[in-house]
Structures are given as structure tokens and as C-alpha cells.
PDB file of N, CA and C in Angstrom:
ATOM      1  N   MET A   1     -21.282 -25.859  58.525  1.00  0.00           N
ATOM      2  CA  MET A   1     -22.137 -25.812  58.018  1.00  0.00           C
ATOM      3  C   MET A   1     -21.173 -24.593  56.656  1.00  0.00           C
ATOM      4  N   THR A   2     -21.234 -23.515  57.375  1.00  0.00           N
ATOM      5  CA  THR A   2     -20.534 -22.541  56.516  1.00  0.00           C
ATOM      6  C   THR A   2     -18.862 -23.074  55.997  1.00  0.00           C
ATOM      7  N   SER A   3     -18.203 -23.515  57.118  1.00  0.00           N
ATOM      8  CA  SER A   3     -17.095 -24.183  56.843  1.00  0.00           C
ATOM      9  C   SER A   3     -17.112 -25.082  55.523  1.00  0.00           C
ATOM     10  N   ASN A   4     -18.161 -25.915  55.105  1.00  0.00           N
ATOM     11  CA  ASN A   4     -18.022 -26.908  54.331  1.00  0.00           C
ATOM     12  C   ASN A   4     -18.624 -26.431  53.118  1.00  0.00           C
ATOM     13  N   ARG A   5     -19.655 -25.443  53.180  1.00  0.00           N
ATOM     14  CA  ARG A   5     -19.755 -24.514  51.868  1.00  0.00           C
ATOM     15  C   ARG A   5     -18.821 -23.842  51.241  1.00  0.00           C
ATOM     16  N   HIS A   6     -17.493 -23.229  52.337  1.00  0.00           N
ATOM     17  CA  HIS A   6     -16.596 -22.746  51.836  1.00  0.00           C
ATOM     18  C   HIS A   6     -15.319 -23.717  50.907  1.00  0.00           C
ATOM     19  N   ILE A   7     -15.589 -24.840  51.547  1.00  0.00           N
ATOM     20  CA  ILE A   7     -14.896 -25.755  51.071  1.00  0.00           C
ATOM     21  C   ILE A   7     -15.198 -26.161  49.752  1.00  0.00           C
ATOM     22  N   GLU A   8     -16.348 -26.227  49.559  1.00  0.00           N
ATOM     23  CA  GLU A   8     -16.956 -26.658  48.328  1.00  0.00           C
ATOM     24  C   GLU A   8     -16.996 -25.631  47.280  1.00  0.00           C
ATOM     25  N   GLN A   9     -17.022 -24.222  47.720  1.00  0.00           N
ATOM     26  CA  GLN A   9     -16.854 -23.222  46.621  1.00  0.00           C
ATOM     27  C   GLN A   9     -15.110 -22.892  46.466  1.00  0.00           C
ATOM     28  N   LEU A  10     -14.245 -23.377  47.527  1.00  0.00           N
ATOM     29  CA  LEU A  10     -12.888 -23.337  46.924  1.00  0.00           C
ATOM     30  C   LEU A  10     -12.605 -24.477  45.778  1.00  0.00           C
ATOM     31  N   THR A  11     -13.327 -25.862  46.319  1.00  0.00           N
ATOM     32  CA  THR A  11     -12.935 -27.110  45.415  1.00  0.00           C
ATOM     33  C   THR A  11     -13.439 -26.776  44.077  1.00  0.00           C
ATOM     34  N   ASP A  12     -14.731 -26.047  43.866  1.00  0.00           N
ATOM     35  CA  ASP A  12     -15.044 -25.951  42.514  1.00  0.00           C
ATOM     36  C   ASP A  12     -14.150 -25.018  41.847  1.00  0.00           C
ATOM     37  N   ARG A  13     -13.985 -23.799  42.326  1.00  0.00           N
ATOM     38  CA  ARG A  13     -12.674 -22.929  41.730  1.00  0.00           C
ATOM     39  C   ARG A  13     -11.621 -23.594  41.529  1.00  0.00           C
ATOM     40  N   VAL A  14     -11.054 -24.127  42.227  1.00  0.00           N
ATOM     41  CA  VAL A  14      -9.935 -25.295  41.960  1.00  0.00           C
ATOM     42  C   VAL A  14     -10.101 -25.937  40.302  1.00  0.00           C
ATOM     43  N   GLU A  15     -11.223 -26.490  40.424  1.00  0.00           N
ATOM     44  CA  GLU A  15     -11.548 -27.557  39.402  1.00  0.00           C
ATOM     45  C   GLU A  15     -11.682 -26.578  38.498  1.00  0.00           C
ATOM     46  N   ARG A  16     -12.092 -25.395  38.297  1.00  0.00           N
ATOM     47  CA  ARG A  16     -12.548 -24.322  37.228  1.00  0.00           C
ATOM     48  C   ARG A  16     -10.954 -23.934  36.558  1.00  0.00           C
ATOM     49  N   LEU A  17     -10.355 -23.802  37.653  1.00  0.00           N
ATOM     50  CA  LEU A  17      -9.020 -23.238  37.281  1.00  0.00           C
ATOM     51  C   LEU A  17      -8.135 -24.355  36.972  1.00  0.00           C
ATOM     52  N   LEU A  18      -8.360 -25.750  37.301  1.00  0.00           N
ATOM     53  CA  LEU A  18      -7.679 -26.727  36.382  1.00  0.00           C
ATOM     54  C   LEU A  18      -7.802 -26.933  34.906  1.00  0.00           C
ATOM     55  N   LEU A  19      -9.413 -27.054  35.159  1.00  0.00           N
ATOM     56  CA  LEU A  19      -9.792 -27.033  33.367  1.00  0.00           C
ATOM     57  C   LEU A  19      -9.270 -25.703  32.689  1.00  0.00           C
ATOM     58  N   ARG A  20      -9.256 -24.452  33.348  1.00  0.00           N
ATOM     59  CA  ARG A  20      -8.854 -23.497  32.452  1.00  0.00           C
ATOM     60  C   ARG A  20      -7.517 -23.614  32.224  1.00  0.00           C
ATOM     61  N   HIS A  21      -6.390 -24.066  33.371  1.00  0.00           N
ATOM     62  CA  HIS A  21      -5.284 -24.305  32.736  1.00  0.00           C
ATOM     63  C   HIS A  21      -5.126 -25.442  31.873  1.00  0.00           C
ATOM     64  N   GLU A  22      -5.633 -26.454  31.757  1.00  0.00           N
ATOM     65  CA  GLU A  22      -5.612 -27.388  30.757  1.00  0.00           C
ATOM     66  C   GLU A  22      -5.878 -26.876  29.196  1.00  0.00           C
ATOM     67  N   GLU A  23      -7.076 -25.949  29.216  1.00  0.00           N
ATOM     68  CA  GLU A  23      -7.157 -25.329  27.757  1.00  0.00           C
ATOM     69  C   GLU A  23      -6.451 -24.577  27.432  1.00  0.00           C
ATOM     70  N   LEU A  24      -5.892 -23.601  28.260  1.00  0.00           N
ATOM     71  CA  LEU A  24      -4.708 -22.751  27.976  1.00  0.00           C
ATOM     72  C   LEU A  24      -3.268 -23.551  27.588  1.00  0.00           C
ATOM     73  N   GLN A  25      -3.019 -24.763  27.942  1.00  0.00           N
ATOM     74  CA  GLN A  25      -2.037 -25.493  27.545  1.00  0.00           C
ATOM     75  C   GLN A  25      -1.967 -26.127  26.189  1.00  0.00           C
ATOM     76  N   ARG A  26      -3.417 -26.563  25.927  1.00  0.00           N
ATOM     77  CA  ARG A  26      -3.915 -27.085  24.363  1.00  0.00           C
ATOM     78  C   ARG A  26      -3.898 -25.816  23.409  1.00  0.00           C
ATOM     79  N   THR A  27      -4.395 -24.446  24.221  1.00  0.00           N
ATOM     80  CA  THR A  27      -4.020 -23.326  22.964  1.00  0.00           C
ATOM     81  C   THR A  27      -2.906 -23.085  23.029  1.00  0.00           C
ATOM     82  N   ASN A  28      -1.911 -23.012  23.608  1.00  0.00           N
ATOM     83  CA  ASN A  28      -0.577 -22.708  23.672  1.00  0.00           C
ATOM     84  C   ASN A  28       0.468 -24.141  22.817  1.00  0.00           C
ATOM     85  N   ALA A  29      -0.511 -25.023  22.872  1.00  0.00           N
ATOM     86  CA  ALA A  29       0.411 -26.110  22.018  1.00  0.00           C
ATOM     87  C   ALA A  29       0.210 -25.776  20.567  1.00  0.00           C
ATOM     88  N   LEU A  30      -0.935 -25.532  20.452  1.00  0.00           N
ATOM     89  CA  LEU A  30      -1.243 -25.207  18.838  1.00  0.00           C
ATOM     90  C   LEU A  30      -0.868 -23.925  18.432  1.00  0.00           C
ATOM     91  N   LEU A  31      -0.768 -23.061  19.395  1.00  0.00           N
ATOM     92  CA  LEU A  31      -0.061 -21.527  19.126  1.00  0.00           C
ATOM     93  C   LEU A  31       1.621 -21.845  18.456  1.00  0.00           C
ATOM     94  N   THR A  32       2.164 -22.359  19.350  1.00  0.00           N
ATOM     95  CA  THR A  32       3.692 -23.061  19.260  1.00  0.00           C
ATOM     96  C   THR A  32       3.583 -23.776  17.894  1.00  0.00           C
ATOM     97  N   GLU A  33       2.728 -24.424  17.833  1.00  0.00           N
ATOM     98  CA  GLU A  33       3.111 -25.397  16.218  1.00  0.00           C
ATOM     99  C   GLU A  33       2.686 -24.588  15.256  1.00  0.00           C
ATOM    100  N   GLN A  34       1.916 -23.553  15.535  1.00  0.00           N
ATOM    101  CA  GLN A  34       1.234 -22.727  14.214  1.00  0.00           C
ATOM    102  C   GLN A  34       2.727 -22.019  13.947  1.00  0.00           C
ATOM    103  N   VAL A  35       3.067 -21.059  15.006  1.00  0.00           N
ATOM    104  CA  VAL A  35       4.395 -20.654  14.905  1.00  0.00           C
ATOM    105  C   VAL A  35       5.480 -21.203  14.121  1.00  0.00           C
ATOM    106  N   ALA A  36       5.794 -22.618  14.488  1.00  0.00           N
ATOM    107  CA  ALA A  36       6.530 -23.289  14.065  1.00  0.00           C
ATOM    108  C   ALA A  36       6.520 -23.634  12.368  1.00  0.00           C
ATOM    109  N   LEU A  37       5.030 -23.692  11.832  1.00  0.00           N
ATOM    110  CA  LEU A  37       5.015 -23.489  10.488  1.00  0.00           C
ATOM    111  C   LEU A  37       4.906 -22.556   9.945  1.00  0.00           C
ATOM    112  N   LEU A  38       4.696 -21.340  10.489  1.00  0.00           N
ATOM    113  CA  LEU A  38       4.771 -20.055   9.969  1.00  0.00           C
ATOM    114  C   LEU A  38       6.378 -19.805   9.870  1.00  0.00           C
ATOM    115  N   GLN A  39       7.059 -19.829  10.677  1.00  0.00           N
ATOM    116  CA  GLN A  39       8.592 -20.035  10.445  1.00  0.00           C
ATOM    117  C   GLN A  39       9.198 -20.856   9.508  1.00  0.00           C
ATOM    118  N   ALA A  40       8.482 -22.148   9.484  1.00  0.00           N
ATOM    119  CA  ALA A  40       9.260 -22.723   8.290  1.00  0.00           C
ATOM    120  C   ALA A  40       8.990 -22.265   6.886  1.00  0.00           C
ATOM    121  N   GLU A  41       7.867 -21.976   6.543  1.00  0.00           N
ATOM    122  CA  GLU A  41       7.254 -21.244   5.595  1.00  0.00           C
ATOM    123  C   GLU A  41       7.874 -19.723   5.331  1.00  0.00           C
ATOM    124  N   ARG A  42       8.155 -19.107   6.282  1.00  0.00           N
ATOM    125  CA  ARG A  42       8.831 -17.944   5.902  1.00  0.00           C
ATOM    126  C   ARG A  42      10.384 -18.087   5.552  1.00  0.00           C
ATOM    127  N   ASP A  43      10.995 -19.218   5.999  1.00  0.00           N
ATOM    128  CA  ASP A  43      12.323 -19.556   6.115  1.00  0.00           C
ATOM    129  C   ASP A  43      12.448 -19.832   3.898  1.00  0.00           C
ATOM    130  N   SER A  44      11.439 -20.758   4.061  1.00  0.00           N
ATOM    131  CA  SER A  44      10.966 -21.647   2.408  1.00  0.00           C
ATOM    132  C   SER A  44      11.193 -20.109   1.505  1.00  0.00           C
ATOM    133  N   LEU A  45      10.216 -19.431   1.947  1.00  0.00           N
ATOM    134  CA  LEU A  45      10.086 -18.134   0.750  1.00  0.00           C
ATOM    135  C   LEU A  45      11.250 -17.453   0.905  1.00  0.00           C
ATOM    136  N   LYS A  46      11.829 -17.245   1.846  1.00  0.00           N
ATOM    137  CA  LYS A  46      13.134 -16.354   1.753  1.00  0.00           C
ATOM    138  C   LYS A  46      14.127 -17.126   1.081  1.00  0.00           C
ATOM    139  N   SER A  47      14.261 -18.291   0.900  1.00  0.00           N
ATOM    140  CA  SER A  47      15.160 -19.231   0.284  1.00  0.00           C
ATOM    141  C   SER A  47      14.522 -18.931  -1.253  1.00  0.00           C
ATOM    142  N   ARG A  48      13.349 -18.862  -1.483  1.00  0.00           N
ATOM    143  CA  ARG A  48      13.039 -19.013  -2.854  1.00  0.00           C
ATOM    144  C   ARG A  48      13.293 -17.098  -3.285  1.00  0.00           C
ATOM    145  N   LEU A  49      13.118 -16.372  -2.489  1.00  0.00           N
ATOM    146  CA  LEU A  49      13.553 -15.293  -2.785  1.00  0.00           C
ATOM    147  C   LEU A  49      14.789 -14.970  -3.383  1.00  0.00           C
ATOM    148  N   LEU A  50      15.948 -15.586  -2.436  1.00  0.00           N
ATOM    149  CA  LEU A  50      17.243 -15.357  -2.789  1.00  0.00           C
ATOM    150  C   LEU A  50      17.537 -16.346  -3.855  1.00  0.00           C
ATOM    151  N   ALA A  51      16.864 -17.109  -4.385  1.00  0.00           N
ATOM    152  CA  ALA A  51      17.264 -18.045  -5.357  1.00  0.00           C
ATOM    153  C   ALA A  51      16.549 -17.325  -6.913  1.00  0.00           C
ATOM    154  N   ALA A  52      15.400 -16.466  -6.700  1.00  0.00           N
ATOM    155  CA  ALA A  52      14.893 -15.700  -7.590  1.00  0.00           C
ATOM    156  C   ALA A  52      15.805 -14.622  -8.195  1.00  0.00           C
ATOM    157  N   ARG A  53      16.434 -14.039  -7.026  1.00  0.00           N
ATOM    158  CA  ARG A  53      17.364 -12.835  -6.926  1.00  0.00           C
ATOM    159  C   ARG A  53      18.854 -13.372  -7.698  1.00  0.00           C
ATOM    160  N   ALA A  54      19.265 -14.229  -7.421  1.00  0.00           N
ATOM    161  CA  ALA A  54      20.351 -14.778  -7.938  1.00  0.00           C
ATOM    162  C   ALA A  54      20.104 -15.227  -9.612  1.00  0.00           C
ATOM    163  N   ARG A  55      19.051 -15.681  -9.924  1.00  0.00           N
ATOM    164  CA  ARG A  55      18.839 -15.834 -11.387  1.00  0.00           C
ATOM    165  C   ARG A  55      18.474 -14.439 -11.928  1.00  0.00           C
ATOM    166  N   ILE A  56      17.626 -13.490 -11.634  1.00  0.00           N
ATOM    167  CA  ILE A  56      17.681 -12.238 -12.202  1.00  0.00           C
ATOM    168  C   ILE A  56      19.094 -11.492 -12.328  1.00  0.00           C
ATOM    169  N   ASP A  57      19.836 -11.614 -11.179  1.00  0.00           N
ATOM    170  CA  ASP A  57      21.278 -11.239 -11.440  1.00  0.00           C
ATOM    171  C   ASP A  57      21.810 -11.865 -12.450  1.00  0.00           C
ATOM    172  N   ALA A  58      21.678 -13.165 -12.446  1.00  0.00           N
ATOM    173  CA  ALA A  58      22.566 -13.916 -13.545  1.00  0.00           C
ATOM    174  C   ALA A  58      22.069 -13.699 -14.687  1.00  0.00           C
ATOM    175  N   LEU A  59      20.881 -13.250 -15.060  1.00  0.00           N
ATOM    176  CA  LEU A  59      20.250 -12.618 -16.487  1.00  0.00           C
ATOM    177  C   LEU A  59      20.385 -11.353 -16.829  1.00  0.00           C
ATOM    178  N   ILE A  60      20.661 -10.555 -15.766  1.00  0.00           N
ATOM    179  CA  ILE A  60      21.133  -9.153 -15.884  1.00  0.00           C
ATOM    180  C   ILE A  60      22.526  -9.066 -16.497  1.00  0.00           C
ATOM    181  N   GLU A  61      23.225 -10.193 -15.851  1.00  0.00           N
ATOM    182  CA  GLU A  61      25.151 -10.347 -16.188  1.00  0.00           C
ATOM    183  C   GLU A  61      24.993 -10.444 -17.697  1.00  0.00           C
ATOM    184  N   ARG A  62      24.188 -11.252 -18.354  1.00  0.00           N
ATOM    185  CA  ARG A  62      24.133 -11.817 -19.361  1.00  0.00           C
ATOM    186  C   ARG A  62      23.745 -10.934 -20.706  1.00  0.00           C
ATOM    187  N   LEU A  63      22.856  -9.914 -19.976  1.00  0.00           N
ATOM    188  CA  LEU A  63      22.325  -8.804 -21.060  1.00  0.00           C
ATOM    189  C   LEU A  63      23.559  -8.194 -21.557  1.00  0.00           C
ATOM    190  N   PRO A  64      23.561  -7.758 -22.812  1.00  0.00           N
ATOM    191  CA  PRO A  64      24.554  -7.172 -23.884  1.00  0.00           C
ATOM    192  C   PRO A  64      24.934  -6.067 -22.918  1.00  0.00           C
ATOM    193  N   ALA A  65      26.133  -5.236 -23.105  1.00  0.00           N
ATOM    194  CA  ALA A  65      26.863  -4.313 -22.408  1.00  0.00           C
ATOM    195  C   ALA A  65      25.770  -3.100 -23.082  1.00  0.00           C
ATOM    196  N   ALA A  66      25.515  -2.891 -24.175  1.00  0.00           N
ATOM    197  CA  ALA A  66      24.674  -1.655 -24.915  1.00  0.00           C
ATOM    198  C   ALA A  66      23.421  -1.845 -24.430  1.00  0.00           C
ATOM    199  N   ALA A  67      23.068  -2.667 -24.172  1.00  0.00           N
ATOM    200  CA  ALA A  67      21.285  -2.617 -23.469  1.00  0.00           C
ATOM    201  C   ALA A  67      21.215  -2.241 -22.120  1.00  0.00           C
ATOM    202  N   THR A  68      22.193  -2.409 -21.687  1.00  0.00           N
ATOM    203  CA  THR A  68      22.056  -1.709 -20.065  1.00  0.00           C
ATOM    204  C   THR A  68      22.552  -0.334 -20.167  1.00  0.00           C
ATOM    205  N   LYS A  69      23.706   0.006 -21.076  1.00  0.00           N
ATOM    206  CA  LYS A  69      23.656   1.674 -21.085  1.00  0.00           C
ATOM    207  C   LYS A  69      22.338   2.295 -21.651  1.00  0.00           C
ATOM    208  N   ASP A  70      21.674   1.797 -22.717  1.00  0.00           N
ATOM    209  CA  ASP A  70      20.523   2.345 -23.240  1.00  0.00           C
ATOM    210  C   ASP A  70      19.495   2.711 -22.031  1.00  0.00           C
ATOM    211  N   SER A  71      19.265   1.801 -21.042  1.00  0.00           N
ATOM    212  CA  SER A  71      18.432   1.756 -20.337  1.00  0.00           C
ATOM    213  C   SER A  71      18.431   2.842 -19.137  1.00  0.00           C
ATOM    214  N   ALA A  72      19.938   3.056 -19.221  1.00  0.00           N
ATOM    215  CA  ALA A  72      20.380   3.909 -17.914  1.00  0.00           C
ATOM    216  C   ALA A  72      20.239   5.664 -18.465  1.00  0.00           C
TER     217      ALA A  72
END
């Protein structure tokens, strides 16, 4: 009897571990997807920032020389 009880306990524990493993795999997949989306968003924001900086630099270059001396 004790042997059967022990086997049942082990079986229950293995089943719980398998369920937990599946749950962790799903969570990991979702987190991996989130990381990829956030990395893409970060890259897009970096690109937009660089473009904005380039536009600002171009505008600064177009300012008359006297205006840049007055502000200094």
C-alpha cells in the first residue's frame, strides 16, 4: 500500500511540474514577444530622434551668422 501511495504522490508531483513547465513556457514566449516589440519601438524612437536632430542641425546651419553671435 505504501508503495502505491508513494507512486501516486510522485505521479501527482510530476503532473504538477509538467503543468508549471507549460505555464512557464507560455509566459516566456509572451515575454520574448514583448521584448521584441519594445526593441522595435526603441529602434523606431532612436531613428526618429536622429532624424529630428538632423533637422534641427540643418535649421541651425541656416540661421544667419549674426543671430548665432548674438545668442552666444
